[in-house]
Amino acid sequence: TQSDLDGQFEIEVSDPNAILVFSFVGMLTKEYKLEGKNKITVKTKWDCNKDFFDAYDIKVYGQTGLINNPFGGKIDISSPYIFFGGVLEASYSYQTNSKENIFQEASLEFKHPISNCDFDIDLRASYRDFEFADKLDNKSYSFETDFNISKYSLIAGYSHLEFNNMNSLKKYNSSGVLIGFGTSFGGPLYPEVVGKISIYEDNVEYQGKIQGGYKGFLIFLKYYKLSSFNELSLGIGYNFNY
């Protein structure tokens, strides 16, 4: 049978303990056991389909540092859907001034292995390394979790710093917490904004990024600061699906 516009329906059954099955396009199918009742109220729920469009991607960028490292590039490669619908993504970027400065970043991310209608999780390991003006040679590592609720992301994790100031001969290892926040917006470029800080014993590491794209073309602007080193990087690229 089919309900009317108000949801009212009638159906004849031969067994007072029959099971009624309610279904409709876009709604969760529900089974209801009559248990001898001849008048019932049944509540159903809308189904949820959450689409991700981040698999089978190879993203290639040319990038320039607007402060210290004018030459560089970046590549992101994402896998097909694996492990219960998650996507594995690897990223690497390299910048230099073709002399003493080097700034490189790498990450390995397992995206949304846990997901439902309103919530999903990303897991990420990151590495950052820079050599600056023959003064600093620093490396930092972090392990992060993104808790994505609707279009907002809360980021938490652990970060470790190997600090080396060659001028003052100051060298130490320090660990701390990483916290951050992200959100996304609508068209035309569908930009995403992410900001993170890592708090160490004697230093604070800052990371910020805004990125978007349209029909395969990609653009980002990111900022990084640790101690006396900071960099503002602009990248333009293209997404090659495979």
C-alpha atoms as a PDB file:
ATOM      1  CA  THR A   1       0.000   0.000   0.000  1.00  0.00           C
ATOM      2  CA  GLN A   2       0.970   3.653  -0.188  1.00  0.00           C
ATOM      3  CA  SER A   3       0.310   6.470   2.250  1.00  0.00           C
ATOM      4  CA  ASP A   4      -1.545   9.632   1.316  1.00  0.00           C
ATOM      5  CA  LEU A   5      -0.045  13.121   1.537  1.00  0.00           C
ATOM      6  CA  ASP A   6      -0.674  13.187   5.305  1.00  0.00           C
ATOM      7  CA  GLY A   7       1.049   9.850   5.846  1.00  0.00           C
ATOM      8  CA  GLN A   8      -2.202   7.926   6.490  1.00  0.00           C
ATOM      9  CA  PHE A   9      -2.479   4.376   5.117  1.00  0.00           C
ATOM     10  CA  GLU A  10      -4.490   1.162   5.384  1.00  0.00           C
ATOM     11  CA  ILE A  11      -3.401  -2.415   4.716  1.00  0.00           C
ATOM     12  CA  GLU A  12      -5.036  -5.810   5.292  1.00  0.00           C
ATOM     13  CA  VAL A  13      -2.887  -8.595   6.733  1.00  0.00           C
ATOM     14  CA  SER A  14      -3.684 -12.249   7.422  1.00  0.00           C
ATOM     15  CA  ASP A  15      -1.375 -12.529  10.459  1.00  0.00           C
ATOM     16  CA  PRO A  16      -1.835 -10.167  13.478  1.00  0.00           C
ATOM     17  CA  ASN A  17       1.922 -10.529  14.133  1.00  0.00           C
ATOM     18  CA  ALA A  18       2.943  -9.652  10.576  1.00  0.00           C
ATOM     19  CA  ILE A  19       5.958  -7.424   9.962  1.00  0.00           C
ATOM     20  CA  LEU A  20       5.315  -4.306   7.884  1.00  0.00           C
ATOM     21  CA  VAL A  21       8.197  -2.920   5.833  1.00  0.00           C
ATOM     22  CA  PHE A  22       8.221   0.854   5.205  1.00  0.00           C
ATOM     23  CA  SER A  23      10.450   2.216   2.461  1.00  0.00           C
ATOM     24  CA  PHE A  24      10.765   5.336   0.338  1.00  0.00           C
ATOM     25  CA  VAL A  25      13.467   6.795  -1.886  1.00  0.00           C
ATOM     26  CA  GLY A  26      15.878   8.805   0.264  1.00  0.00           C
ATOM     27  CA  MET A  27      14.622   7.336   3.567  1.00  0.00           C
ATOM     28  CA  LEU A  28      15.867   4.517   5.767  1.00  0.00           C
ATOM     29  CA  THR A  29      13.895   1.293   5.365  1.00  0.00           C
ATOM     30  CA  LYS A  30      12.132   0.337   8.593  1.00  0.00           C
ATOM     31  CA  GLU A  31      10.508  -2.900   9.744  1.00  0.00           C
ATOM     32  CA  TYR A  32       7.599  -2.780  12.218  1.00  0.00           C
ATOM     33  CA  LYS A  33       6.092  -5.841  13.962  1.00  0.00           C
ATOM     34  CA  LEU A  34       2.339  -5.418  14.471  1.00  0.00           C
ATOM     35  CA  GLU A  35       2.035  -7.599  17.601  1.00  0.00           C
ATOM     36  CA  GLY A  36      -1.777  -7.640  17.220  1.00  0.00           C
ATOM     37  CA  LYS A  37      -2.216  -3.864  16.919  1.00  0.00           C
ATOM     38  CA  ASN A  38      -4.723  -2.492  14.432  1.00  0.00           C
ATOM     39  CA  LYS A  39      -3.724   1.168  14.683  1.00  0.00           C
ATOM     40  CA  ILE A  40      -0.074   2.200  14.648  1.00  0.00           C
ATOM     41  CA  THR A  41       2.146   5.254  14.305  1.00  0.00           C
ATOM     42  CA  VAL A  42       5.493   4.691  12.623  1.00  0.00           C
ATOM     43  CA  LYS A  43       8.339   7.215  12.550  1.00  0.00           C
ATOM     44  CA  THR A  44      10.905   6.997   9.770  1.00  0.00           C
ATOM     45  CA  LYS A  45      14.145   8.882   9.128  1.00  0.00           C
ATOM     46  CA  TRP A  46      15.818  10.354   6.098  1.00  0.00           C
ATOM     47  CA  ASP A  47      18.773   8.379   4.830  1.00  0.00           C
ATOM     48  CA  CYS A  48      22.254   9.910   4.644  1.00  0.00           C
ATOM     49  CA  ASN A  49      24.595   9.825   1.670  1.00  0.00           C
ATOM     50  CA  LYS A  50      27.899  11.573   2.282  1.00  0.00           C
ATOM     51  CA  ASP A  51      30.041  12.021  -0.796  1.00  0.00           C
ATOM     52  CA  PHE A  52      33.816  12.509  -0.806  1.00  0.00           C
ATOM     53  CA  PHE A  53      35.622  13.595  -3.965  1.00  0.00           C
ATOM     54  CA  ASP A  54      39.227  13.230  -2.857  1.00  0.00           C
ATOM     55  CA  ALA A  55      40.212   9.819  -4.276  1.00  0.00           C
ATOM     56  CA  TYR A  56      42.195   9.065  -7.461  1.00  0.00           C
ATOM     57  CA  ASP A  57      43.827  12.531  -7.439  1.00  0.00           C
ATOM     58  CA  ILE A  58      47.307  13.728  -8.400  1.00  0.00           C
ATOM     59  CA  LYS A  59      47.714  17.437  -7.654  1.00  0.00           C
ATOM     60  CA  VAL A  60      50.801  19.221  -8.960  1.00  0.00           C
ATOM     61  CA  TYR A  61      51.683  22.789  -7.946  1.00  0.00           C
ATOM     62  CA  GLY A  62      54.278  25.372  -8.721  1.00  0.00           C
ATOM     63  CA  GLN A  63      54.833  27.508  -5.653  1.00  0.00           C
ATOM     64  CA  THR A  64      56.832  30.516  -4.585  1.00  0.00           C
ATOM     65  CA  GLY A  65      57.792  31.842  -1.178  1.00  0.00           C
ATOM     66  CA  LEU A  66      57.073  35.556  -0.955  1.00  0.00           C
ATOM     67  CA  ILE A  67      59.588  36.130   1.881  1.00  0.00           C
ATOM     68  CA  ASN A  68      62.572  33.760   1.827  1.00  0.00           C
ATOM     69  CA  ASN A  69      62.258  30.890  -0.680  1.00  0.00           C
ATOM     70  CA  PRO A  70      61.057  31.997  -4.123  1.00  0.00           C
ATOM     71  CA  PHE A  71      61.422  28.665  -5.972  1.00  0.00           C
ATOM     72  CA  GLY A  72      59.560  25.453  -5.314  1.00  0.00           C
ATOM     73  CA  GLY A  73      56.813  22.976  -6.011  1.00  0.00           C
ATOM     74  CA  LYS A  74      54.342  20.656  -4.354  1.00  0.00           C
ATOM     75  CA  ILE A  75      52.695  17.318  -5.176  1.00  0.00           C
ATOM     76  CA  ASP A  76      49.726  15.535  -3.549  1.00  0.00           C
ATOM     77  CA  ILE A  77      48.776  11.953  -4.437  1.00  0.00           C
ATOM     78  CA  SER A  78      45.630  10.247  -3.110  1.00  0.00           C
ATOM     79  CA  SER A  79      44.740   6.577  -3.332  1.00  0.00           C
ATOM     80  CA  PRO A  80      41.473   4.925  -4.370  1.00  0.00           C
ATOM     81  CA  TYR A  81      39.026   4.224  -1.545  1.00  0.00           C
ATOM     82  CA  ILE A  82      40.504   1.670   0.822  1.00  0.00           C
ATOM     83  CA  PHE A  83      39.922   0.349   4.341  1.00  0.00           C
ATOM     84  CA  PHE A  84      36.195   0.950   4.894  1.00  0.00           C
ATOM     85  CA  GLY A  85      35.979   3.915   2.535  1.00  0.00           C
ATOM     86  CA  GLY A  86      39.008   5.903   3.661  1.00  0.00           C
ATOM     87  CA  VAL A  87      41.512   7.573   1.342  1.00  0.00           C
ATOM     88  CA  LEU A  88      45.271   7.578   1.858  1.00  0.00           C
ATOM     89  CA  GLU A  89      46.962  10.829   0.764  1.00  0.00           C
ATOM     90  CA  ALA A  90      50.687  11.644   0.590  1.00  0.00           C
ATOM     91  CA  SER A  91      51.980  15.198   0.169  1.00  0.00           C
ATOM     92  CA  TYR A  92      55.428  16.747  -0.321  1.00  0.00           C
ATOM     93  CA  SER A  93      56.558  20.333  -0.950  1.00  0.00           C
ATOM     94  CA  TYR A  94      60.003  21.851  -1.407  1.00  0.00           C
ATOM     95  CA  GLN A  95      61.119  25.483  -1.526  1.00  0.00           C
ATOM     96  CA  THR A  96      64.522  27.147  -1.731  1.00  0.00           C
ATOM     97  CA  ASN A  97      66.275  30.411  -2.576  1.00  0.00           C
ATOM     98  CA  SER A  98      68.832  28.332  -4.561  1.00  0.00           C
ATOM     99  CA  LYS A  99      71.438  29.187  -1.906  1.00  0.00           C
ATOM    100  CA  GLU A 100      71.437  28.477   1.830  1.00  0.00           C
ATOM    101  CA  ASN A 101      67.665  28.373   2.454  1.00  0.00           C
ATOM    102  CA  ILE A 102      65.593  25.180   2.236  1.00  0.00           C
ATOM    103  CA  PHE A 103      62.011  24.689   3.398  1.00  0.00           C
ATOM    104  CA  GLN A 104      60.278  21.333   2.952  1.00  0.00           C
ATOM    105  CA  GLU A 105      57.096  19.755   4.258  1.00  0.00           C
ATOM    106  CA  ALA A 106      55.659  16.244   3.990  1.00  0.00           C
ATOM    107  CA  SER A 107      52.569  14.492   5.294  1.00  0.00           C
ATOM    108  CA  LEU A 108      50.775  11.163   5.166  1.00  0.00           C
ATOM    109  CA  GLU A 109      47.045  11.314   5.859  1.00  0.00           C
ATOM    110  CA  PHE A 110      44.301   8.712   6.250  1.00  0.00           C
ATOM    111  CA  LYS A 111      41.144  10.655   5.444  1.00  0.00           C
ATOM    112  CA  HIS A 112      37.680   9.900   6.880  1.00  0.00           C
ATOM    113  CA  PRO A 113      38.117   6.218   7.815  1.00  0.00           C
ATOM    114  CA  ILE A 114      35.386   6.881  10.400  1.00  0.00           C
ATOM    115  CA  SER A 115      32.361   8.691   9.022  1.00  0.00           C
ATOM    116  CA  ASN A 116      28.617   9.139   9.437  1.00  0.00           C
ATOM    117  CA  CYS A 117      26.099  11.780   8.387  1.00  0.00           C
ATOM    118  CA  ASP A 118      27.290  14.506  10.745  1.00  0.00           C
ATOM    119  CA  PHE A 119      30.843  13.561  11.670  1.00  0.00           C
ATOM    120  CA  ASP A 120      34.078  12.155  10.276  1.00  0.00           C
ATOM    121  CA  ILE A 121      37.729  11.848  11.320  1.00  0.00           C
ATOM    122  CA  ASP A 122      41.049  12.362   9.510  1.00  0.00           C
ATOM    123  CA  LEU A 123      44.376  11.022  10.813  1.00  0.00           C
ATOM    124  CA  ARG A 124      47.661  12.642   9.762  1.00  0.00           C
ATOM    125  CA  ALA A 125      51.418  12.466  10.341  1.00  0.00           C
ATOM    126  CA  SER A 126      53.405  15.551   9.270  1.00  0.00           C
ATOM    127  CA  TYR A 127      57.052  16.547   8.917  1.00  0.00           C
ATOM    128  CA  ARG A 128      58.522  20.053   8.515  1.00  0.00           C
ATOM    129  CA  ASP A 129      62.180  20.940   7.970  1.00  0.00           C
ATOM    130  CA  PHE A 130      63.936  24.211   7.187  1.00  0.00           C
ATOM    131  CA  GLU A 131      67.445  25.610   6.971  1.00  0.00           C
ATOM    132  CA  PHE A 132      67.550  29.399   7.200  1.00  0.00           C
ATOM    133  CA  ALA A 133      70.433  31.813   6.490  1.00  0.00           C
ATOM    134  CA  ASP A 134      73.020  29.448   7.990  1.00  0.00           C
ATOM    135  CA  LYS A 135      71.471  30.251  11.370  1.00  0.00           C
ATOM    136  CA  LEU A 136      68.658  27.782  11.946  1.00  0.00           C
ATOM    137  CA  ASP A 137      68.333  24.105  11.090  1.00  0.00           C
ATOM    138  CA  ASN A 138      65.071  22.924  12.597  1.00  0.00           C
ATOM    139  CA  LYS A 139      62.866  19.870  12.192  1.00  0.00           C
ATOM    140  CA  SER A 140      59.387  19.263  13.598  1.00  0.00           C
ATOM    141  CA  TYR A 141      57.065  16.266  13.555  1.00  0.00           C
ATOM    142  CA  SER A 142      53.389  16.053  14.444  1.00  0.00           C
ATOM    143  CA  PHE A 143      50.624  13.481  14.729  1.00  0.00           C
ATOM    144  CA  GLU A 144      47.202  15.026  14.298  1.00  0.00           C
ATOM    145  CA  THR A 145      43.515  14.131  14.328  1.00  0.00           C
ATOM    146  CA  ASP A 146      40.855  16.223  12.597  1.00  0.00           C
ATOM    147  CA  PHE A 147      37.363  16.005  14.068  1.00  0.00           C
ATOM    148  CA  ASN A 148      35.111  17.220  11.243  1.00  0.00           C
ATOM    149  CA  ILE A 149      31.611  18.296  12.211  1.00  0.00           C
ATOM    150  CA  SER A 150      29.571  19.636   9.306  1.00  0.00           C
ATOM    151  CA  LYS A 151      31.847  22.236   7.659  1.00  0.00           C
ATOM    152  CA  TYR A 152      33.994  22.805  10.753  1.00  0.00           C
ATOM    153  CA  SER A 153      37.140  20.976  11.862  1.00  0.00           C
ATOM    154  CA  LEU A 154      38.679  20.768  15.316  1.00  0.00           C
ATOM    155  CA  ILE A 155      42.319  19.675  15.188  1.00  0.00           C
ATOM    156  CA  ALA A 156      44.306  18.166  18.061  1.00  0.00           C
ATOM    157  CA  GLY A 157      47.592  16.334  18.257  1.00  0.00           C
ATOM    158  CA  TYR A 158      51.143  15.910  19.481  1.00  0.00           C
ATOM    159  CA  SER A 159      54.160  17.741  18.043  1.00  0.00           C
ATOM    160  CA  HIS A 160      57.921  17.357  18.518  1.00  0.00           C
ATOM    161  CA  LEU A 161      60.625  19.920  17.693  1.00  0.00           C
ATOM    162  CA  GLU A 162      64.354  19.491  17.085  1.00  0.00           C
ATOM    163  CA  PHE A 163      65.655  23.059  17.448  1.00  0.00           C
ATOM    164  CA  ASN A 164      69.161  24.037  16.343  1.00  0.00           C
ATOM    165  CA  ASN A 165      70.383  27.655  16.382  1.00  0.00           C
ATOM    166  CA  MET A 166      73.869  27.476  14.899  1.00  0.00           C
ATOM    167  CA  ASN A 167      74.779  31.056  15.847  1.00  0.00           C
ATOM    168  CA  SER A 168      74.075  30.749  19.550  1.00  0.00           C
ATOM    169  CA  LEU A 169      74.867  27.009  19.636  1.00  0.00           C
ATOM    170  CA  LYS A 170      71.467  26.525  21.248  1.00  0.00           C
ATOM    171  CA  LYS A 171      70.193  23.041  20.539  1.00  0.00           C
ATOM    172  CA  TYR A 172      67.371  21.124  22.203  1.00  0.00           C
ATOM    173  CA  ASN A 173      64.434  18.764  21.684  1.00  0.00           C
ATOM    174  CA  SER A 174      60.990  19.739  22.879  1.00  0.00           C
ATOM    175  CA  SER A 175      57.503  18.234  22.664  1.00  0.00           C
ATOM    176  CA  GLY A 176      54.158  19.945  22.927  1.00  0.00           C
ATOM    177  CA  VAL A 177      50.498  20.015  21.988  1.00  0.00           C
ATOM    178  CA  LEU A 178      49.101  20.954  18.610  1.00  0.00           C
ATOM    179  CA  ILE A 179      45.674  22.570  18.304  1.00  0.00           C
ATOM    180  CA  GLY A 180      43.868  24.030  15.334  1.00  0.00           C
ATOM    181  CA  PHE A 181      40.629  24.956  13.615  1.00  0.00           C
ATOM    182  CA  GLY A 182      39.352  24.750  10.053  1.00  0.00           C
ATOM    183  CA  THR A 183      36.262  25.570   8.042  1.00  0.00           C
ATOM    184  CA  SER A 184      35.055  25.663   4.443  1.00  0.00           C
ATOM    185  CA  PHE A 185      32.924  28.040   2.396  1.00  0.00           C
ATOM    186  CA  GLY A 186      30.762  27.958  -0.708  1.00  0.00           C
ATOM    187  CA  GLY A 187      31.639  28.965  -4.294  1.00  0.00           C
ATOM    188  CA  PRO A 188      33.150  30.175  -6.466  1.00  0.00           C
ATOM    189  CA  LEU A 189      36.455  28.558  -5.388  1.00  0.00           C
ATOM    190  CA  TYR A 190      35.019  26.603  -2.422  1.00  0.00           C
ATOM    191  CA  PRO A 191      37.872  27.778  -0.173  1.00  0.00           C
ATOM    192  CA  GLU A 192      39.014  25.893   2.909  1.00  0.00           C
ATOM    193  CA  VAL A 193      40.775  27.715   5.756  1.00  0.00           C
ATOM    194  CA  VAL A 194      42.962  25.946   8.350  1.00  0.00           C
ATOM    195  CA  GLY A 195      45.026  27.383  11.197  1.00  0.00           C
ATOM    196  CA  LYS A 196      47.242  25.418  13.622  1.00  0.00           C
ATOM    197  CA  ILE A 197      49.704  26.174  16.414  1.00  0.00           C
ATOM    198  CA  SER A 198      52.176  23.880  18.178  1.00  0.00           C
ATOM    199  CA  ILE A 199      53.194  24.997  21.659  1.00  0.00           C
ATOM    200  CA  TYR A 200      56.669  23.939  22.817  1.00  0.00           C
ATOM    201  CA  GLU A 201      58.645  24.783  25.940  1.00  0.00           C
ATOM    202  CA  ASP A 202      60.509  27.745  24.383  1.00  0.00           C
ATOM    203  CA  ASN A 203      58.842  28.179  20.999  1.00  0.00           C
ATOM    204  CA  VAL A 204      55.501  28.390  19.228  1.00  0.00           C
ATOM    205  CA  GLU A 205      55.050  27.072  15.698  1.00  0.00           C
ATOM    206  CA  TYR A 206      52.355  28.687  13.524  1.00  0.00           C
ATOM    207  CA  GLN A 207      50.749  27.201  10.407  1.00  0.00           C
ATOM    208  CA  GLY A 208      47.937  28.681   8.341  1.00  0.00           C
ATOM    209  CA  LYS A 209      46.488  27.879   4.935  1.00  0.00           C
ATOM    210  CA  ILE A 210      43.660  28.883   2.622  1.00  0.00           C
ATOM    211  CA  GLN A 211      43.089  26.759  -0.482  1.00  0.00           C
ATOM    212  CA  GLY A 212      40.481  26.310  -3.177  1.00  0.00           C
ATOM    213  CA  GLY A 213      39.951  25.331  -6.766  1.00  0.00           C
ATOM    214  CA  TYR A 214      37.685  25.377  -9.801  1.00  0.00           C
ATOM    215  CA  LYS A 215      37.376  22.779 -12.585  1.00  0.00           C
ATOM    216  CA  GLY A 216      40.728  21.180 -11.855  1.00  0.00           C
ATOM    217  CA  PHE A 217      42.664  24.391 -11.289  1.00  0.00           C
ATOM    218  CA  LEU A 218      43.981  24.820  -7.735  1.00  0.00           C
ATOM    219  CA  ILE A 219      45.348  27.686  -5.675  1.00  0.00           C
ATOM    220  CA  PHE A 220      46.592  28.045  -2.107  1.00  0.00           C
ATOM    221  CA  LEU A 221      48.197  30.597   0.173  1.00  0.00           C
ATOM    222  CA  LYS A 222      49.930  29.329   3.311  1.00  0.00           C
ATOM    223  CA  TYR A 223      51.913  30.860   6.154  1.00  0.00           C
ATOM    224  CA  TYR A 224      54.523  29.283   8.416  1.00  0.00           C
ATOM    225  CA  LYS A 225      56.473  30.721  11.355  1.00  0.00           C
ATOM    226  CA  LEU A 226      58.905  29.252  13.876  1.00  0.00           C
ATOM    227  CA  SER A 227      61.418  31.324  15.817  1.00  0.00           C
ATOM    228  CA  SER A 228      62.914  33.975  13.479  1.00  0.00           C
ATOM    229  CA  PHE A 229      61.946  32.063  10.313  1.00  0.00           C
ATOM    230  CA  ASN A 230      58.663  32.778   8.541  1.00  0.00           C
ATOM    231  CA  GLU A 231      57.383  32.157   5.052  1.00  0.00           C
ATOM    232  CA  LEU A 232      54.304  33.130   3.034  1.00  0.00           C
ATOM    233  CA  SER A 233      53.884  30.738   0.103  1.00  0.00           C
ATOM    234  CA  LEU A 234      51.646  31.019  -2.957  1.00  0.00           C
ATOM    235  CA  GLY A 235      50.880  27.925  -5.020  1.00  0.00           C
ATOM    236  CA  ILE A 236      49.012  27.378  -8.301  1.00  0.00           C
ATOM    237  CA  GLY A 237      48.366  23.906  -9.640  1.00  0.00           C
ATOM    238  CA  TYR A 238      46.175  21.428 -11.446  1.00  0.00           C
ATOM    239  CA  ASN A 239      44.341  18.271 -10.384  1.00  0.00           C
ATOM    240  CA  PHE A 240      44.974  15.244 -12.622  1.00  0.00           C
ATOM    241  CA  ASN A 241      42.446  12.482 -11.908  1.00  0.00           C
ATOM    242  CA  TYR A 242      43.471   8.914 -12.684  1.00  0.00           C
END
